C-alpha atoms as a PDB file:
ATOM      1  CA  MET A   1       0.030  -0.253  -0.006  1.00  0.00           C
ATOM      2  CA  GLY A   2       1.565   3.463  -1.285  1.00  0.00           C
ATOM      3  CA  ARG A   3       1.905   6.215   1.536  1.00  0.00           C
ATOM      4  CA  ASN A   4      -0.743   9.106   1.920  1.00  0.00           C
ATOM      5  CA  VAL A   5       0.506  11.939  -0.214  1.00  0.00           C
ATOM      6  CA  VAL A   6      -0.802  15.794  -0.264  1.00  0.00           C
ATOM      7  CA  SER A   7      -1.331  17.223  -3.480  1.00  0.00           C
ATOM      8  CA  ALA A   8       0.606  19.756  -5.036  1.00  0.00           C
ATOM      9  CA  LYS A   9      -1.795  21.502  -6.403  1.00  0.00           C
ATOM     10  CA  LEU A  10      -3.576  22.610  -3.403  1.00  0.00           C
ATOM     11  CA  ASP A  11      -3.297  25.994  -3.073  1.00  0.00           C
ATOM     12  CA  ILE A  12      -1.884  25.822   0.297  1.00  0.00           C
ATOM     13  CA  ILE A  13       0.797  23.323  -0.713  1.00  0.00           C
ATOM     14  CA  PHE A  14       1.399  24.851  -3.843  1.00  0.00           C
ATOM     15  CA  LYS A  15       2.294  27.959  -1.889  1.00  0.00           C
ATOM     16  CA  LYS A  16       4.216  26.545   0.838  1.00  0.00           C
ATOM     17  CA  ILE A  17       6.365  24.174  -1.571  1.00  0.00           C
ATOM     18  CA  PHE A  18       7.669  27.333  -3.547  1.00  0.00           C
ATOM     19  CA  THR A  19       7.723  30.039  -1.015  1.00  0.00           C
ATOM     20  CA  GLU A  20      10.242  27.394   1.170  1.00  0.00           C
ATOM     21  CA  ASN A  21      12.615  26.170  -1.801  1.00  0.00           C
ATOM     22  CA  ALA A  22      13.736  29.199  -3.758  1.00  0.00           C
ATOM     23  CA  ASP A  23      15.896  27.097  -6.114  1.00  0.00           C
ATOM     24  CA  MET A  24      12.441  25.318  -7.087  1.00  0.00           C
ATOM     25  CA  LEU A  25      10.917  28.279  -7.358  1.00  0.00           C
ATOM     26  CA  HIS A  26      13.592  29.673  -9.596  1.00  0.00           C
ATOM     27  CA  GLU A  27      13.487  26.439 -11.872  1.00  0.00           C
ATOM     28  CA  PHE A  28       9.595  26.680 -11.848  1.00  0.00           C
ATOM     29  CA  VAL A  29       9.212  30.253 -12.969  1.00  0.00           C
ATOM     30  CA  ALA A  30      11.886  29.734 -16.167  1.00  0.00           C
ATOM     31  CA  ASP A  31      10.518  26.441 -16.960  1.00  0.00           C
ATOM     32  CA  ILE A  32       6.800  27.520 -17.191  1.00  0.00           C
ATOM     33  CA  LEU A  33       7.867  30.562 -19.284  1.00  0.00           C
ATOM     34  CA  GLU A  34      10.661  28.580 -21.069  1.00  0.00           C
ATOM     35  CA  ILE A  35      13.287  31.046 -20.815  1.00  0.00           C
ATOM     36  CA  PRO A  36      16.508  30.122 -19.368  1.00  0.00           C
ATOM     37  CA  SER A  37      17.299  29.748 -16.043  1.00  0.00           C
ATOM     38  CA  GLU A  38      20.534  32.124 -15.851  1.00  0.00           C
ATOM     39  CA  SER A  39      18.436  35.027 -17.741  1.00  0.00           C
ATOM     40  CA  ILE A  40      16.650  35.104 -14.132  1.00  0.00           C
ATOM     41  CA  GLN A  41      18.952  37.607 -11.800  1.00  0.00           C
ATOM     42  CA  GLU A  42      16.504  37.802  -8.441  1.00  0.00           C
ATOM     43  CA  ILE A  43      13.046  36.404  -7.621  1.00  0.00           C
ATOM     44  CA  THR A  44      11.662  38.283  -4.713  1.00  0.00           C
ATOM     45  CA  ILE A  45       8.484  36.842  -3.242  1.00  0.00           C
ATOM     46  CA  ARG A  46       6.150  39.466  -2.200  1.00  0.00           C
ATOM     47  CA  ASN A  47       3.468  38.012  -0.098  1.00  0.00           C
ATOM     48  CA  GLN A  48       4.925  35.200   1.238  1.00  0.00           C
ATOM     49  CA  GLU A  49       2.713  34.589   4.293  1.00  0.00           C
ATOM     50  CA  LEU A  50      -0.026  31.887   4.713  1.00  0.00           C
ATOM     51  CA  SER A  51      -3.010  33.590   5.468  1.00  0.00           C
ATOM     52  CA  PRO A  52      -5.252  32.954   7.154  1.00  0.00           C
ATOM     53  CA  GLU A  53      -3.951  30.672   9.201  1.00  0.00           C
ATOM     54  CA  ASN A  54      -7.500  28.760   9.970  1.00  0.00           C
ATOM     55  CA  PHE A  55      -7.290  26.923   6.400  1.00  0.00           C
ATOM     56  CA  ASP A  56     -11.256  26.335   6.372  1.00  0.00           C
ATOM     57  CA  GLY A  57     -11.254  30.211   5.327  1.00  0.00           C
ATOM     58  CA  LYS A  58     -12.958  30.869   2.280  1.00  0.00           C
ATOM     59  CA  PHE A  59     -10.020  32.161   0.069  1.00  0.00           C
ATOM     60  CA  SER A  60     -10.707  34.411  -2.867  1.00  0.00           C
ATOM     61  CA  ARG A  61      -7.536  33.284  -4.243  1.00  0.00           C
ATOM     62  CA  LEU A  62      -4.097  32.056  -2.986  1.00  0.00           C
ATOM     63  CA  ASP A  63      -1.304  33.244  -5.248  1.00  0.00           C
ATOM     64  CA  LEU A  64       2.772  34.284  -5.458  1.00  0.00           C
ATOM     65  CA  ASN A  65       2.969  37.564  -6.512  1.00  0.00           C
ATOM     66  CA  LEU A  66       6.834  37.899  -7.524  1.00  0.00           C
ATOM     67  CA  LYS A  67       9.463  40.109  -9.349  1.00  0.00           C
ATOM     68  CA  VAL A  68      11.268  38.455 -11.369  1.00  0.00           C
ATOM     69  CA  ASP A  69      14.478  40.579 -12.546  1.00  0.00           C
ATOM     70  CA  ASN A  70      12.119  43.768 -13.744  1.00  0.00           C
ATOM     71  CA  VAL A  71       9.074  42.012 -14.508  1.00  0.00           C
ATOM     72  CA  LEU A  72       6.502  41.442 -12.272  1.00  0.00           C
ATOM     73  CA  VAL A  73       5.215  37.995 -12.566  1.00  0.00           C
ATOM     74  CA  ASN A  74       1.911  36.450 -10.564  1.00  0.00           C
ATOM     75  CA  VAL A  75       1.321  32.837 -10.001  1.00  0.00           C
ATOM     76  CA  GLU A  76      -2.044  31.184  -9.441  1.00  0.00           C
ATOM     77  CA  ILE A  77      -3.925  28.149  -8.513  1.00  0.00           C
ATOM     78  CA  GLN A  78      -7.196  27.953  -9.070  1.00  0.00           C
ATOM     79  CA  LEU A  79      -9.393  24.898  -8.070  1.00  0.00           C
ATOM     80  CA  LYS A  80     -12.504  25.344  -8.851  1.00  0.00           C
ATOM     81  CA  GLY A  81     -14.009  27.255 -12.045  1.00  0.00           C
ATOM     82  CA  GLU A  82     -16.155  30.574 -11.677  1.00  0.00           C
ATOM     83  CA  THR A  83     -18.587  31.632 -14.534  1.00  0.00           C
ATOM     84  CA  ASP A  84     -16.590  35.117 -14.206  1.00  0.00           C
ATOM     85  CA  PHE A  85     -12.767  33.859 -14.162  1.00  0.00           C
ATOM     86  CA  ARG A  86     -11.735  35.126 -17.711  1.00  0.00           C
ATOM     87  CA  ASP A  87     -12.844  38.589 -16.278  1.00  0.00           C
ATOM     88  CA  ARG A  88     -11.271  38.213 -12.749  1.00  0.00           C
ATOM     89  CA  ALA A  89      -8.010  37.152 -14.392  1.00  0.00           C
ATOM     90  CA  LEU A  90      -7.729  40.178 -16.695  1.00  0.00           C
ATOM     91  CA  PHE A  91      -8.476  42.328 -13.481  1.00  0.00           C
ATOM     92  CA  TYR A  92      -5.766  40.986 -11.497  1.00  0.00           C
ATOM     93  CA  TRP A  93      -3.427  41.341 -14.234  1.00  0.00           C
ATOM     94  CA  ALA A  94      -4.469  45.197 -14.471  1.00  0.00           C
ATOM     95  CA  LYS A  95      -3.798  45.326 -10.761  1.00  0.00           C
ATOM     96  CA  LEU A  96      -0.371  43.637 -10.974  1.00  0.00           C
ATOM     97  CA  TYR A  97       0.469  45.922 -14.018  1.00  0.00           C
ATOM     98  CA  THR A  98      -0.220  49.156 -11.765  1.00  0.00           C
ATOM     99  CA  SER A  99       0.723  48.053  -8.601  1.00  0.00           C
ATOM    100  CA  GLU A 100       4.152  49.639  -8.697  1.00  0.00           C
ATOM    101  CA  LEU A 101       3.175  53.121 -10.619  1.00  0.00           C
ATOM    102  CA  LYS A 102       3.433  55.839  -7.543  1.00  0.00           C
ATOM    103  CA  SER A 103       1.730  59.260  -8.099  1.00  0.00           C
ATOM    104  CA  GLY A 104       3.195  61.509 -10.016  1.00  0.00           C
ATOM    105  CA  ASP A 105       5.313  58.666 -12.029  1.00  0.00           C
ATOM    106  CA  THR A 106       5.007  58.615 -16.183  1.00  0.00           C
ATOM    107  CA  TYR A 107       3.448  55.875 -17.416  1.00  0.00           C
ATOM    108  CA  GLY A 108       6.614  54.472 -19.108  1.00  0.00           C
ATOM    109  CA  LYS A 109       7.918  53.460 -15.826  1.00  0.00           C
ATOM    110  CA  LEU A 110       4.858  50.765 -15.870  1.00  0.00           C
ATOM    111  CA  LYS A 111       6.663  47.247 -16.039  1.00  0.00           C
ATOM    112  CA  LYS A 112       5.553  43.957 -17.635  1.00  0.00           C
ATOM    113  CA  ALA A 113       3.501  41.957 -16.078  1.00  0.00           C
ATOM    114  CA  ILE A 114       2.973  38.357 -16.383  1.00  0.00           C
ATOM    115  CA  THR A 115       0.215  36.363 -14.639  1.00  0.00           C
ATOM    116  CA  ILE A 116       0.812  32.488 -14.979  1.00  0.00           C
ATOM    117  CA  ASN A 117      -2.779  30.992 -14.096  1.00  0.00           C
ATOM    118  CA  ILE A 118      -2.563  27.014 -13.217  1.00  0.00           C
ATOM    119  CA  ILE A 119      -6.756  25.665 -13.512  1.00  0.00           C
ATOM    120  CA  ASN A 120      -8.052  22.608 -12.413  1.00  0.00           C
ATOM    121  CA  PHE A 121     -10.985  23.026 -14.839  1.00  0.00           C
ATOM    122  CA  ASN A 122     -10.993  23.297 -18.702  1.00  0.00           C
ATOM    123  CA  MET A 123     -11.487  27.375 -20.015  1.00  0.00           C
ATOM    124  CA  PHE A 124     -10.573  27.033 -23.915  1.00  0.00           C
ATOM    125  CA  GLU A 125     -11.419  24.869 -26.723  1.00  0.00           C
ATOM    126  CA  GLY A 126      -8.691  22.628 -27.968  1.00  0.00           C
ATOM    127  CA  GLU A 127      -6.786  20.003 -26.339  1.00  0.00           C
ATOM    128  CA  ASP A 128      -3.840  22.128 -25.702  1.00  0.00           C
ATOM    129  CA  TYR A 129      -3.024  22.526 -21.955  1.00  0.00           C
ATOM    130  CA  HIS A 130      -1.146  25.833 -22.507  1.00  0.00           C
ATOM    131  CA  THR A 131      -2.959  28.972 -23.622  1.00  0.00           C
ATOM    132  CA  GLU A 132      -0.868  32.115 -24.042  1.00  0.00           C
ATOM    133  CA  ILE A 133      -2.684  35.882 -24.328  1.00  0.00           C
ATOM    134  CA  VAL A 134      -0.992  38.722 -26.057  1.00  0.00           C
ATOM    135  CA  THR A 135      -2.273  42.164 -27.183  1.00  0.00           C
ATOM    136  CA  ALA A 136      -2.255  42.219 -31.347  1.00  0.00           C
ATOM    137  CA  VAL A 137      -3.386  44.595 -33.471  1.00  0.00           C
ATOM    138  CA  LYS A 138      -6.719  43.549 -35.162  1.00  0.00           C
ATOM    139  CA  GLY A 139      -5.963  41.624 -38.479  1.00  0.00           C
ATOM    140  CA  THR A 140      -2.160  41.997 -38.160  1.00  0.00           C
ATOM    141  CA  ASP A 141      -0.021  39.694 -36.201  1.00  0.00           C
ATOM    142  CA  LYS A 142       1.984  42.912 -34.739  1.00  0.00           C
ATOM    143  CA  ILE A 143       2.282  43.115 -30.992  1.00  0.00           C
ATOM    144  CA  TYR A 144       0.579  46.570 -29.423  1.00  0.00           C
ATOM    145  CA  SER A 145       2.422  46.148 -26.131  1.00  0.00           C
ATOM    146  CA  ASP A 146       4.973  43.506 -24.913  1.00  0.00           C
ATOM    147  CA  LYS A 147       3.770  44.813 -21.305  1.00  0.00           C
ATOM    148  CA  PHE A 148       0.790  42.529 -21.732  1.00  0.00           C
ATOM    149  CA  ASN A 149       0.989  38.671 -21.082  1.00  0.00           C
ATOM    150  CA  MET A 150      -1.317  36.124 -19.424  1.00  0.00           C
ATOM    151  CA  HIS A 151      -0.938  32.213 -19.168  1.00  0.00           C
ATOM    152  CA  PHE A 152      -3.048  29.781 -18.714  1.00  0.00           C
ATOM    153  CA  PHE A 153      -2.640  26.012 -17.998  1.00  0.00           C
ATOM    154  CA  GLU A 154      -5.268  23.856 -18.090  1.00  0.00           C
ATOM    155  CA  LEU A 155      -4.556  20.952 -15.660  1.00  0.00           C
ATOM    156  CA  LYS A 156      -7.100  18.662 -16.917  1.00  0.00           C
ATOM    157  CA  LYS A 157      -5.853  18.759 -20.386  1.00  0.00           C
ATOM    158  CA  VAL A 158      -1.989  17.709 -19.237  1.00  0.00           C
ATOM    159  CA  ASN A 159      -0.836  14.428 -21.164  1.00  0.00           C
ATOM    160  CA  GLN A 160      -0.169  11.709 -18.367  1.00  0.00           C
ATOM    161  CA  LYS A 161       2.602  10.161 -20.621  1.00  0.00           C
ATOM    162  CA  VAL A 162       5.834  11.327 -18.878  1.00  0.00           C
ATOM    163  CA  ASN A 163       8.501  13.046 -21.131  1.00  0.00           C
ATOM    164  CA  PRO A 164      11.538  14.053 -19.260  1.00  0.00           C
ATOM    165  CA  ASN A 165      12.687  16.629 -22.178  1.00  0.00           C
ATOM    166  CA  ASN A 166       9.370  18.552 -21.563  1.00  0.00           C
ATOM    167  CA  ARG A 167      10.366  20.596 -18.114  1.00  0.00           C
ATOM    168  CA  ARG A 168       7.297  22.478 -18.184  1.00  0.00           C
ATOM    169  CA  GLU A 169       4.919  19.458 -18.902  1.00  0.00           C
ATOM    170  CA  LEU A 170       6.750  17.823 -16.005  1.00  0.00           C
ATOM    171  CA  TRP A 171       5.719  20.584 -13.726  1.00  0.00           C
ATOM    172  CA  MET A 172       2.228  20.742 -14.395  1.00  0.00           C
ATOM    173  CA  GLN A 173       2.234  16.579 -14.180  1.00  0.00           C
ATOM    174  CA  PHE A 174       3.710  17.246 -10.829  1.00  0.00           C
ATOM    175  CA  LEU A 175       0.843  19.261 -10.165  1.00  0.00           C
ATOM    176  CA  ASN A 176      -1.280  16.732 -11.078  1.00  0.00           C
ATOM    177  CA  ALA A 177      -0.194  13.836  -9.482  1.00  0.00           C
ATOM    178  CA  ASP A 178      -2.598  12.812  -6.615  1.00  0.00           C
ATOM    179  CA  SER A 179      -0.862   9.193  -5.983  1.00  0.00           C
ATOM    180  CA  GLU A 180       2.802   7.705  -4.881  1.00  0.00           C
ATOM    181  CA  GLU A 181       2.506   5.917  -7.482  1.00  0.00           C
ATOM    182  CA  ASP A 182       2.065   9.359  -9.893  1.00  0.00           C
ATOM    183  CA  PHE A 183       5.165  10.622  -8.399  1.00  0.00           C
ATOM    184  CA  GLU A 184       7.100   7.800  -8.451  1.00  0.00           C
ATOM    185  CA  MET A 185       6.845   7.772 -12.085  1.00  0.00           C
ATOM    186  CA  LEU A 186       8.183  11.872 -12.303  1.00  0.00           C
ATOM    187  CA  LYS A 187      11.105  10.346 -10.422  1.00  0.00           C
ATOM    188  CA  GLN A 188      11.745   7.700 -12.744  1.00  0.00           C
ATOM    189  CA  THR A 189      12.734  11.135 -15.538  1.00  0.00           C
ATOM    190  CA  ASN A 190      15.706  11.796 -13.378  1.00  0.00           C
ATOM    191  CA  VAL A 191      15.680  15.333 -13.623  1.00  0.00           C
ATOM    192  CA  PRO A 192      17.320  16.637 -10.652  1.00  0.00           C
ATOM    193  CA  ILE A 193      14.546  19.727  -9.665  1.00  0.00           C
ATOM    194  CA  ILE A 194      11.807  17.505  -9.845  1.00  0.00           C
ATOM    195  CA  ASN A 195      13.258  14.695  -7.936  1.00  0.00           C
ATOM    196  CA  LYS A 196      13.643  17.409  -5.228  1.00  0.00           C
ATOM    197  CA  ALA A 197      10.168  18.550  -5.713  1.00  0.00           C
ATOM    198  CA  VAL A 198       8.743  15.018  -5.315  1.00  0.00           C
ATOM    199  CA  ASN A 199      10.907  14.199  -2.208  1.00  0.00           C
ATOM    200  CA  VAL A 200       9.557  17.892  -0.811  1.00  0.00           C
ATOM    201  CA  ILE A 201       6.099  16.281  -1.068  1.00  0.00           C
ATOM    202  CA  TYR A 202       7.182  13.259   0.621  1.00  0.00           C
ATOM    203  CA  ASP A 203       8.302  15.062   3.334  1.00  0.00           C
ATOM    204  CA  LEU A 204       5.242  17.430   3.639  1.00  0.00           C
ATOM    205  CA  SER A 205       3.065  14.142   3.458  1.00  0.00           C
ATOM    206  CA  GLU A 206       4.907  12.761   6.602  1.00  0.00           C
ATOM    207  CA  ASP A 207       4.015  16.146   8.820  1.00  0.00           C
ATOM    208  CA  THR A 208       1.058  15.300  10.816  1.00  0.00           C
ATOM    209  CA  ARG A 209       0.273  19.192  11.050  1.00  0.00           C
ATOM    210  CA  ILE A 210       0.192  19.824   7.504  1.00  0.00           C
ATOM    211  CA  ARG A 211      -1.619  16.664   6.068  1.00  0.00           C
ATOM    212  CA  GLU A 212      -4.178  17.790   8.547  1.00  0.00           C
ATOM    213  CA  ALA A 213      -4.094  21.144   7.331  1.00  0.00           C
ATOM    214  CA  ALA A 214      -4.468  20.033   4.105  1.00  0.00           C
ATOM    215  CA  ARG A 215      -7.637  17.681   4.940  1.00  0.00           C
ATOM    216  CA  ILE A 216      -9.220  20.889   6.421  1.00  0.00           C
ATOM    217  CA  ARG A 217      -8.555  22.505   3.354  1.00  0.00           C
ATOM    218  CA  GLU A 218      -9.604  19.885   1.015  1.00  0.00           C
ATOM    219  CA  LYS A 219     -12.661  19.742   3.005  1.00  0.00           C
ATOM    220  CA  ALA A 220     -13.329  23.027   2.997  1.00  0.00           C
ATOM    221  CA  LEU A 221     -13.277  23.098  -0.785  1.00  0.00           C
ATOM    222  CA  HIS A 222     -15.382  20.408  -1.170  1.00  0.00           C
ATOM    223  CA  ASP A 223     -18.152  22.041   1.150  1.00  0.00           C
ATOM    224  CA  GLU A 224     -18.414  25.062  -0.509  1.00  0.00           C
ATOM    225  CA  ALA A 225     -18.557  23.417  -3.918  1.00  0.00           C
ATOM    226  CA  SER A 226     -21.385  21.304  -2.483  1.00  0.00           C
ATOM    227  CA  ALA A 227     -22.883  24.095  -1.155  1.00  0.00           C
ATOM    228  CA  LEU A 228     -22.748  26.035  -4.363  1.00  0.00           C
ATOM    229  CA  ALA A 229     -24.503  23.174  -6.541  1.00  0.00           C
ATOM    230  CA  ASN A 230     -27.024  22.572  -3.666  1.00  0.00           C
ATOM    231  CA  ALA A 231     -27.922  26.022  -4.011  1.00  0.00           C
ATOM    232  CA  LYS A 232     -28.103  26.163  -7.984  1.00  0.00           C
ATOM    233  CA  ASN A 233     -30.398  22.828  -7.906  1.00  0.00           C
ATOM    234  CA  GLU A 234     -32.453  24.587  -5.561  1.00  0.00           C
ATOM    235  CA  GLY A 235     -32.845  27.723  -7.489  1.00  0.00           C
ATOM    236  CA  ARG A 236     -33.499  25.654 -10.372  1.00  0.00           C
ATOM    237  CA  ALA A 237     -36.570  23.448  -8.631  1.00  0.00           C
ATOM    238  CA  GLU A 238     -37.840  26.887  -7.488  1.00  0.00           C
ATOM    239  CA  GLY A 239     -37.638  28.160 -11.076  1.00  0.00           C
ATOM    240  CA  ARG A 240     -39.094  25.417 -12.284  1.00  0.00           C
ATOM    241  CA  ALA A 241     -42.036  25.236  -9.660  1.00  0.00           C
ATOM    242  CA  GLU A 242     -42.407  29.064  -9.817  1.00  0.00           C
ATOM    243  CA  GLY A 243     -42.758  28.700 -13.850  1.00  0.00           C
ATOM    244  CA  ARG A 244     -45.295  25.957 -13.268  1.00  0.00           C
ATOM    245  CA  ALA A 245     -47.190  28.185 -11.058  1.00  0.00           C
ATOM    246  CA  GLU A 246     -47.130  31.299 -13.290  1.00  0.00           C
ATOM    247  CA  GLY A 247     -48.048  28.884 -16.126  1.00  0.00           C
ATOM    248  CA  ARG A 248     -51.289  27.655 -14.565  1.00  0.00           C
ATOM    249  CA  ALA A 249     -52.217  30.971 -13.378  1.00  0.00           C
ATOM    250  CA  GLU A 250     -51.704  32.538 -17.127  1.00  0.00           C
ATOM    251  CA  GLY A 251     -53.709  29.066 -17.938  1.00  0.00           C
ATOM    252  CA  ARG A 252     -56.566  29.807 -15.906  1.00  0.00           C
ATOM    253  CA  ALA A 253     -56.497  33.356 -16.913  1.00  0.00           C
ATOM    254  CA  GLU A 254     -56.077  32.369 -20.535  1.00  0.00           C
ATOM    255  CA  GLY A 255     -59.240  29.429 -20.275  1.00  0.00           C
ATOM    256  CA  ARG A 256     -61.669  32.211 -18.528  1.00  0.00           C
ATOM    257  CA  ALA A 257     -60.965  34.654 -21.015  1.00  0.00           C
ATOM    258  CA  GLU A 258     -61.387  32.433 -23.733  1.00  0.00           C
ATOM    259  CA  GLY A 259     -64.472  30.954 -22.184  1.00  0.00           C
ATOM    260  CA  ARG A 260     -65.885  34.470 -21.928  1.00  0.00           C
ATOM    261  CA  ALA A 261     -65.281  35.210 -25.528  1.00  0.00           C
ATOM    262  CA  GLU A 262     -66.810  31.946 -26.428  1.00  0.00           C
ATOM    263  CA  GLY A 263     -69.751  32.495 -24.545  1.00  0.00           C
ATOM    264  CA  ARG A 264     -70.453  36.192 -25.588  1.00  0.00           C
ATOM    265  CA  ALA A 265     -69.971  34.395 -29.242  1.00  0.00           C
ATOM    266  CA  GLU A 266     -72.319  31.523 -28.248  1.00  0.00           C
ATOM    267  CA  GLY A 267     -74.771  34.211 -27.060  1.00  0.00           C
ATOM    268  CA  GLU A 268     -74.592  36.679 -29.846  1.00  0.00           C
ATOM    269  CA  ALA A 269     -75.537  33.552 -32.201  1.00  0.00           C
ATOM    270  CA  ASN A 270     -78.599  32.325 -29.845  1.00  0.00           C
ATOM    271  CA  ILE A 271     -79.615  36.081 -29.711  1.00  0.00           C
ATOM    272  CA  ILE A 272     -78.971  36.151 -33.734  1.00  0.00           C
ATOM    273  CA  SER A 273     -80.989  33.330 -34.487  1.00  0.00           C
ATOM    274  CA  LYS A 274     -84.207  33.706 -32.368  1.00  0.00           C
ATOM    275  CA  MET A 275     -84.483  37.266 -34.098  1.00  0.00           C
ATOM    276  CA  LYS A 276     -84.390  35.297 -37.457  1.00  0.00           C
ATOM    277  CA  ALA A 277     -87.139  33.016 -35.808  1.00  0.00           C
ATOM    278  CA  TYR A 278     -89.227  35.933 -35.310  1.00  0.00           C
ATOM    279  CA  GLY A 279     -88.955  37.186 -38.703  1.00  0.00           C
ATOM    280  CA  LEU A 280     -86.510  40.107 -38.367  1.00  0.00           C
ATOM    281  CA  SER A 281     -84.226  40.695 -41.566  1.00  0.00           C
ATOM    282  CA  ASP A 282     -80.556  40.738 -41.424  1.00  0.00           C
ATOM    283  CA  GLU A 283     -80.312  44.654 -41.586  1.00  0.00           C
ATOM    284  CA  GLN A 284     -82.868  44.903 -38.817  1.00  0.00           C
ATOM    285  CA  ILE A 285     -80.682  42.403 -36.792  1.00  0.00           C
ATOM    286  CA  LYS A 286     -77.744  44.587 -37.430  1.00  0.00           C
ATOM    287  CA  SER A 287     -79.132  47.999 -36.742  1.00  0.00           C
ATOM    288  CA  ILE A 288     -80.357  46.440 -33.326  1.00  0.00           C
ATOM    289  CA  ILE A 289     -76.828  44.988 -32.432  1.00  0.00           C
ATOM    290  CA  PHE A 290     -74.757  47.548 -33.249  1.00  0.00           C
ATOM    291  CA  GLY A 291     -77.217  49.976 -31.767  1.00  0.00           C
ATOM    292  CA  VAL A 292     -76.683  48.258 -28.609  1.00  0.00           C
ATOM    293  CA  ASN A 293     -73.149  47.989 -29.195  1.00  0.00           C
ATOM    294  CA  ASN A 294     -72.805  51.835 -29.923  1.00  0.00           C
ATOM    295  CA  GLY A 295     -74.643  52.764 -27.335  1.00  0.00           C
END
């Protein structure tokens, strides 16, 4: 029986791994952005704390705010889908882009901002797990500004076959792994930094406090998702009930109106029939009816 391991894509575990292992964070950012590791001179973590301390709290997001050389980088893990996630991702990119501009600074001082969104749900069409967003002049391939850059990594689309030559994909497979068997497959690649990442996961999994925090966090996420699903189901049920009630009410109202109209039509037909029985001409009948109706 394999050991019980914590998941690297669980937000609190993800942040703990990369805030406490600078070399892993360095390699991770370089591999994700596919830039030479030696080109990164400095990484500064700007929100290293793990808060709230009580992991059953509702997190709006839990991420890493970095400064890589002179570029602002935000790395976020998002485990559950949200209908407005595209807008939210754009909003957080805008906040990152403007975060260092001080009053009186010229706009030329704005730094390039890159957001890395690792999501545990499908967001784009197609089978490629990586989508990069840039700004281009419509109808051309000309970039409007190289200061805008957003990356989305859809974990559910990541290939399960391990390729030791694809470092970016190895990291995604590391985040997706949820069993000792998965992690052992990654170790067989003999990529040093990936092997270290797996050993870090094993160490964290041996820590009773960390394992309990992960359990509480996973339960909170599950409870939140269940509550949301129940609310949606109840909303749909109430909507259907209200729709049926409104339909019945409208049906009754329409039935009464149709009944009154049919009754009036039948009544007028009976009256006309009786008038003709008394020998009144069509002209006389019309004169009486229109006279009554216009009176």
